[in-house]
C-alpha atoms as a PDB file:
ATOM      1  CA  UNK A   1      -1.157 -95.698  37.639  1.00  0.00           C
ATOM      2  CA  UNK A   2      -4.888 -95.691  37.023  1.00  0.00           C
ATOM      3  CA  UNK A   3      -6.312 -95.531  33.527  1.00  0.00           C
ATOM      4  CA  UNK A   4      -7.812 -92.116  34.299  1.00  0.00           C
ATOM      5  CA  UNK A   5      -4.474 -90.640  35.373  1.00  0.00           C
ATOM      6  CA  UNK A   6      -2.756 -92.188  32.365  1.00  0.00           C
ATOM      7  CA  UNK A   7      -5.347 -90.630  30.014  1.00  0.00           C
ATOM      8  CA  UNK A   8      -4.935 -87.241  31.721  1.00  0.00           C
ATOM      9  CA  UNK A   9      -1.159 -87.463  31.394  1.00  0.00           C
ATOM     10  CA  UNK A  10      -1.423 -88.358  27.705  1.00  0.00           C
ATOM     11  CA  UNK A  11      -3.302 -85.096  27.063  1.00  0.00           C
ATOM     12  CA  UNK A  12      -0.756 -82.777  28.721  1.00  0.00           C
ATOM     13  CA  UNK A  13       1.075 -81.840  25.471  1.00  0.00           C
ATOM     14  CA  UNK A  14      -2.193 -80.837  23.774  1.00  0.00           C
ATOM     15  CA  UNK A  15      -3.260 -78.845  26.839  1.00  0.00           C
ATOM     16  CA  UNK A  16       0.077 -77.018  26.913  1.00  0.00           C
ATOM     17  CA  UNK A  17      -0.112 -76.225  23.200  1.00  0.00           C
ATOM     18  CA  UNK A  18      -3.636 -74.840  23.514  1.00  0.00           C
ATOM     19  CA  UNK A  19      -2.851 -72.891  26.701  1.00  0.00           C
ATOM     20  CA  UNK A  20       0.220 -71.296  25.090  1.00  0.00           C
ATOM     21  CA  UNK A  21      -1.824 -70.271  22.077  1.00  0.00           C
ATOM     22  CA  UNK A  22      -4.518 -68.800  24.332  1.00  0.00           C
ATOM     23  CA  UNK A  23      -2.288 -66.902  26.729  1.00  0.00           C
ATOM     24  CA  UNK A  24       0.683 -66.139  24.462  1.00  0.00           C
ATOM     25  CA  UNK A  25       2.892 -66.567  27.537  1.00  0.00           C
ATOM     26  CA  UNK A  26       4.728 -69.826  28.277  1.00  0.00           C
ATOM     27  CA  UNK A  27       4.858 -69.399  32.067  1.00  0.00           C
ATOM     28  CA  UNK A  28       1.226 -68.373  32.324  1.00  0.00           C
ATOM     29  CA  UNK A  29       0.243 -71.267  30.065  1.00  0.00           C
ATOM     30  CA  UNK A  30       2.131 -73.742  32.237  1.00  0.00           C
ATOM     31  CA  UNK A  31       0.359 -72.389  35.332  1.00  0.00           C
ATOM     32  CA  UNK A  32      -2.982 -72.720  33.573  1.00  0.00           C
ATOM     33  CA  UNK A  33      -2.232 -76.328  32.573  1.00  0.00           C
ATOM     34  CA  UNK A  34      -1.104 -77.153  36.103  1.00  0.00           C
ATOM     35  CA  UNK A  35      -4.332 -75.710  37.536  1.00  0.00           C
ATOM     36  CA  UNK A  36      -6.277 -77.727  34.966  1.00  0.00           C
ATOM     37  CA  UNK A  37      -4.522 -80.942  35.949  1.00  0.00           C
ATOM     38  CA  UNK A  38      -5.017 -80.305  39.658  1.00  0.00           C
ATOM     39  CA  UNK A  39      -8.712 -79.625  39.123  1.00  0.00           C
ATOM     40  CA  UNK A  40      -9.114 -82.683  36.896  1.00  0.00           C
ATOM     41  CA  UNK A  41      -7.360 -85.037  39.309  1.00  0.00           C
ATOM     42  CA  UNK A  42      -9.343 -83.698  42.261  1.00  0.00           C
ATOM     43  CA  UNK A  43     -12.564 -84.055  40.273  1.00  0.00           C
ATOM     44  CA  UNK A  44     -11.944 -87.551  38.940  1.00  0.00           C
ATOM     45  CA  UNK A  45     -15.172 -88.677  40.622  1.00  0.00           C
ATOM     46  CA  UNK A  46     -17.118 -86.174  38.467  1.00  0.00           C
ATOM     47  CA  UNK A  47     -15.895 -87.667  35.198  1.00  0.00           C
ATOM     48  CA  UNK A  48     -18.474 -90.214  34.072  1.00  0.00           C
ATOM     49  CA  UNK A  49     -16.835 -91.474  30.921  1.00  0.00           C
ATOM     50  CA  UNK A  50     -16.845 -90.006  27.463  1.00  0.00           C
ATOM     51  CA  UNK A  51     -14.074 -88.047  25.829  1.00  0.00           C
ATOM     52  CA  UNK A  52     -11.539 -87.058  28.509  1.00  0.00           C
ATOM     53  CA  UNK A  53      -9.787 -84.697  26.097  1.00  0.00           C
ATOM     54  CA  UNK A  54     -12.900 -82.552  25.693  1.00  0.00           C
ATOM     55  CA  UNK A  55     -13.441 -82.582  29.457  1.00  0.00           C
ATOM     56  CA  UNK A  56      -9.875 -81.353  30.074  1.00  0.00           C
ATOM     57  CA  UNK A  57     -10.184 -78.634  27.419  1.00  0.00           C
ATOM     58  CA  UNK A  58     -13.438 -77.510  29.057  1.00  0.00           C
ATOM     59  CA  UNK A  59     -11.706 -77.193  32.421  1.00  0.00           C
ATOM     60  CA  UNK A  60      -8.815 -75.267  30.866  1.00  0.00           C
ATOM     61  CA  UNK A  61     -11.182 -72.972  28.954  1.00  0.00           C
ATOM     62  CA  UNK A  62     -13.196 -72.206  32.089  1.00  0.00           C
ATOM     63  CA  UNK A  63     -10.069 -71.507  34.135  1.00  0.00           C
ATOM     64  CA  UNK A  64      -8.850 -69.165  31.410  1.00  0.00           C
ATOM     65  CA  UNK A  65     -12.210 -67.340  31.395  1.00  0.00           C
ATOM     66  CA  UNK A  66     -11.953 -66.879  35.151  1.00  0.00           C
ATOM     67  CA  UNK A  67      -8.409 -65.553  34.727  1.00  0.00           C
ATOM     68  CA  UNK A  68      -9.537 -63.072  32.087  1.00  0.00           C
ATOM     69  CA  UNK A  69     -12.434 -61.881  34.257  1.00  0.00           C
ATOM     70  CA  UNK A  70     -10.016 -61.300  37.100  1.00  0.00           C
ATOM     71  CA  UNK A  71      -7.645 -59.372  34.817  1.00  0.00           C
ATOM     72  CA  UNK A  72     -10.496 -57.233  33.496  1.00  0.00           C
ATOM     73  CA  UNK A  73     -10.968 -55.831  36.993  1.00  0.00           C
ATOM     74  CA  UNK A  74      -7.378 -54.543  37.067  1.00  0.00           C
ATOM     75  CA  UNK A  75      -5.779 -51.871  34.894  1.00  0.00           C
ATOM     76  CA  UNK A  76      -3.463 -53.284  32.240  1.00  0.00           C
ATOM     77  CA  UNK A  77      -0.038 -51.982  31.327  1.00  0.00           C
ATOM     78  CA  UNK A  78       1.961 -53.059  28.302  1.00  0.00           C
ATOM     79  CA  UNK A  79       5.644 -52.746  27.611  1.00  0.00           C
ATOM     80  CA  UNK A  80       7.021 -52.128  24.147  1.00  0.00           C
ATOM     81  CA  UNK A  81       9.505 -54.656  22.892  1.00  0.00           C
ATOM     82  CA  UNK A  82      12.045 -54.438  20.110  1.00  0.00           C
ATOM     83  CA  UNK A  83      10.144 -56.921  17.956  1.00  0.00           C
ATOM     84  CA  UNK A  84       6.932 -54.847  18.076  1.00  0.00           C
ATOM     85  CA  UNK A  85       8.064 -52.698  15.156  1.00  0.00           C
ATOM     86  CA  UNK A  86       5.332 -52.675  12.492  1.00  0.00           C
ATOM     87  CA  UNK A  87       7.795 -52.520   9.588  1.00  0.00           C
ATOM     88  CA  UNK A  88       9.641 -55.710  10.503  1.00  0.00           C
ATOM     89  CA  UNK A  89      10.690 -57.768   7.509  1.00  0.00           C
ATOM     90  CA  UNK A  90      12.217 -61.158   6.997  1.00  0.00           C
ATOM     91  CA  UNK A  91      11.041 -64.734   7.153  1.00  0.00           C
ATOM     92  CA  UNK A  92       9.628 -64.361  10.677  1.00  0.00           C
ATOM     93  CA  UNK A  93       7.423 -61.401   9.692  1.00  0.00           C
ATOM     94  CA  UNK A  94       4.702 -63.705   8.330  1.00  0.00           C
ATOM     95  CA  UNK A  95       4.469 -65.486  11.662  1.00  0.00           C
ATOM     96  CA  UNK A  96       4.134 -62.166  13.457  1.00  0.00           C
ATOM     97  CA  UNK A  97       1.385 -61.140  11.026  1.00  0.00           C
ATOM     98  CA  UNK A  98      -0.589 -64.270  11.828  1.00  0.00           C
ATOM     99  CA  UNK A  99       0.036 -63.740  15.529  1.00  0.00           C
ATOM    100  CA  UNK A 100      -1.236 -60.154  15.288  1.00  0.00           C
ATOM    101  CA  UNK A 101      -4.257 -61.303  13.292  1.00  0.00           C
ATOM    102  CA  UNK A 102      -5.048 -63.852  16.007  1.00  0.00           C
ATOM    103  CA  UNK A 103      -4.614 -61.150  18.650  1.00  0.00           C
ATOM    104  CA  UNK A 104      -7.283 -59.054  16.943  1.00  0.00           C
ATOM    105  CA  UNK A 105      -9.877 -61.808  17.193  1.00  0.00           C
ATOM    106  CA  UNK A 106     -12.490 -61.831  19.921  1.00  0.00           C
ATOM    107  CA  UNK A 107     -11.593 -64.440  22.569  1.00  0.00           C
ATOM    108  CA  UNK A 108     -14.441 -66.810  21.684  1.00  0.00           C
ATOM    109  CA  UNK A 109     -13.495 -66.733  17.998  1.00  0.00           C
ATOM    110  CA  UNK A 110      -9.797 -67.249  18.732  1.00  0.00           C
ATOM    111  CA  UNK A 111     -10.538 -70.144  21.095  1.00  0.00           C
ATOM    112  CA  UNK A 112     -12.805 -71.872  18.574  1.00  0.00           C
ATOM    113  CA  UNK A 113     -10.257 -71.423  15.786  1.00  0.00           C
ATOM    114  CA  UNK A 114      -7.378 -72.740  17.900  1.00  0.00           C
ATOM    115  CA  UNK A 115      -9.352 -75.765  19.081  1.00  0.00           C
ATOM    116  CA  UNK A 116     -10.326 -76.723  15.534  1.00  0.00           C
ATOM    117  CA  UNK A 117      -7.142 -75.828  13.650  1.00  0.00           C
ATOM    118  CA  UNK A 118      -4.436 -76.380  16.260  1.00  0.00           C
ATOM    119  CA  UNK A 119      -5.946 -79.237  18.267  1.00  0.00           C
ATOM    120  CA  UNK A 120      -8.005 -80.889  15.529  1.00  0.00           C
ATOM    121  CA  UNK A 121     -11.189 -81.086  17.568  1.00  0.00           C
ATOM    122  CA  UNK A 122     -14.545 -81.524  15.875  1.00  0.00           C
ATOM    123  CA  UNK A 123     -17.110 -78.732  15.798  1.00  0.00           C
ATOM    124  CA  UNK A 124     -19.255 -80.781  18.214  1.00  0.00           C
ATOM    125  CA  UNK A 125     -16.382 -81.085  20.692  1.00  0.00           C
ATOM    126  CA  UNK A 126     -15.690 -77.342  20.489  1.00  0.00           C
ATOM    127  CA  UNK A 127     -19.395 -76.623  21.012  1.00  0.00           C
ATOM    128  CA  UNK A 128     -19.362 -78.797  24.137  1.00  0.00           C
ATOM    129  CA  UNK A 129     -16.173 -77.150  25.432  1.00  0.00           C
ATOM    130  CA  UNK A 130     -17.475 -73.627  24.876  1.00  0.00           C
ATOM    131  CA  UNK A 131     -20.984 -74.499  26.027  1.00  0.00           C
ATOM    132  CA  UNK A 132     -22.681 -73.187  22.884  1.00  0.00           C
ATOM    133  CA  UNK A 133     -24.662 -74.694  19.983  1.00  0.00           C
ATOM    134  CA  UNK A 134     -22.683 -76.098  17.051  1.00  0.00           C
ATOM    135  CA  UNK A 135     -24.055 -73.351  14.792  1.00  0.00           C
ATOM    136  CA  UNK A 136     -22.449 -70.743  17.041  1.00  0.00           C
ATOM    137  CA  UNK A 137     -19.100 -72.507  16.683  1.00  0.00           C
ATOM    138  CA  UNK A 138     -19.483 -72.532  12.904  1.00  0.00           C
ATOM    139  CA  UNK A 139     -20.315 -68.818  12.942  1.00  0.00           C
ATOM    140  CA  UNK A 140     -17.328 -67.999  15.180  1.00  0.00           C
ATOM    141  CA  UNK A 141     -15.010 -69.956  12.897  1.00  0.00           C
ATOM    142  CA  UNK A 142     -16.319 -68.279   9.761  1.00  0.00           C
ATOM    143  CA  UNK A 143     -15.934 -64.820  11.278  1.00  0.00           C
ATOM    144  CA  UNK A 144     -12.461 -65.609  12.613  1.00  0.00           C
ATOM    145  CA  UNK A 145     -11.260 -66.929   9.262  1.00  0.00           C
ATOM    146  CA  UNK A 146     -12.728 -63.938   7.424  1.00  0.00           C
ATOM    147  CA  UNK A 147     -11.131 -61.449   9.811  1.00  0.00           C
ATOM    148  CA  UNK A 148      -7.733 -63.135   9.550  1.00  0.00           C
ATOM    149  CA  UNK A 149      -7.960 -63.165   5.756  1.00  0.00           C
ATOM    150  CA  UNK A 150      -8.841 -59.465   5.693  1.00  0.00           C
ATOM    151  CA  UNK A 151      -5.932 -58.657   8.012  1.00  0.00           C
ATOM    152  CA  UNK A 152      -3.389 -60.723   6.071  1.00  0.00           C
ATOM    153  CA  UNK A 153      -4.582 -59.273   2.744  1.00  0.00           C
ATOM    154  CA  UNK A 154      -3.956 -55.798   4.141  1.00  0.00           C
ATOM    155  CA  UNK A 155      -7.526 -54.676   3.706  1.00  0.00           C
ATOM    156  CA  UNK A 156      -9.431 -52.556   6.145  1.00  0.00           C
ATOM    157  CA  UNK A 157     -12.268 -54.440   7.778  1.00  0.00           C
ATOM    158  CA  UNK A 158     -15.654 -53.516   6.372  1.00  0.00           C
ATOM    159  CA  UNK A 159     -17.861 -51.586   8.725  1.00  0.00           C
ATOM    160  CA  UNK A 160     -21.393 -52.806   9.075  1.00  0.00           C
ATOM    161  CA  UNK A 161     -24.290 -50.460   9.630  1.00  0.00           C
ATOM    162  CA  UNK A 162     -26.187 -51.323  12.784  1.00  0.00           C
ATOM    163  CA  UNK A 163     -29.684 -49.977  13.261  1.00  0.00           C
END
């Protein structure tokens, strides 16, 4: 097995973890990771060294953006589940609160937060993956953390006046 393929294979668990956090659906996440791996292996000639992990996360992020654009063109339906009750209590309620707080974040903020907190990537790596300046990543992280804190503290988000 080539060094490239070995490095790609070594990153599969991290890709799956990130994809599951992004999509919140195990089957969809696995499909997204598979598409990422297929694209990476087909595009091996385009990889000119550097950090393969960041390159793979960039591919996955772009595929997810394309998926979301495609979904935005179709009407969405949601089914209610038994565990959607807002008054749920117990030890798992805290996990659901964090999950709901993450759901409320804008996609770019959630992606930046997950890449830094869940995957341990540097701000520079996240900036490269998202294709934005490092200051934008820092801003997205600050806003995401603030919004999650507000949600978990039970406060209503402050409205800002826009002129």
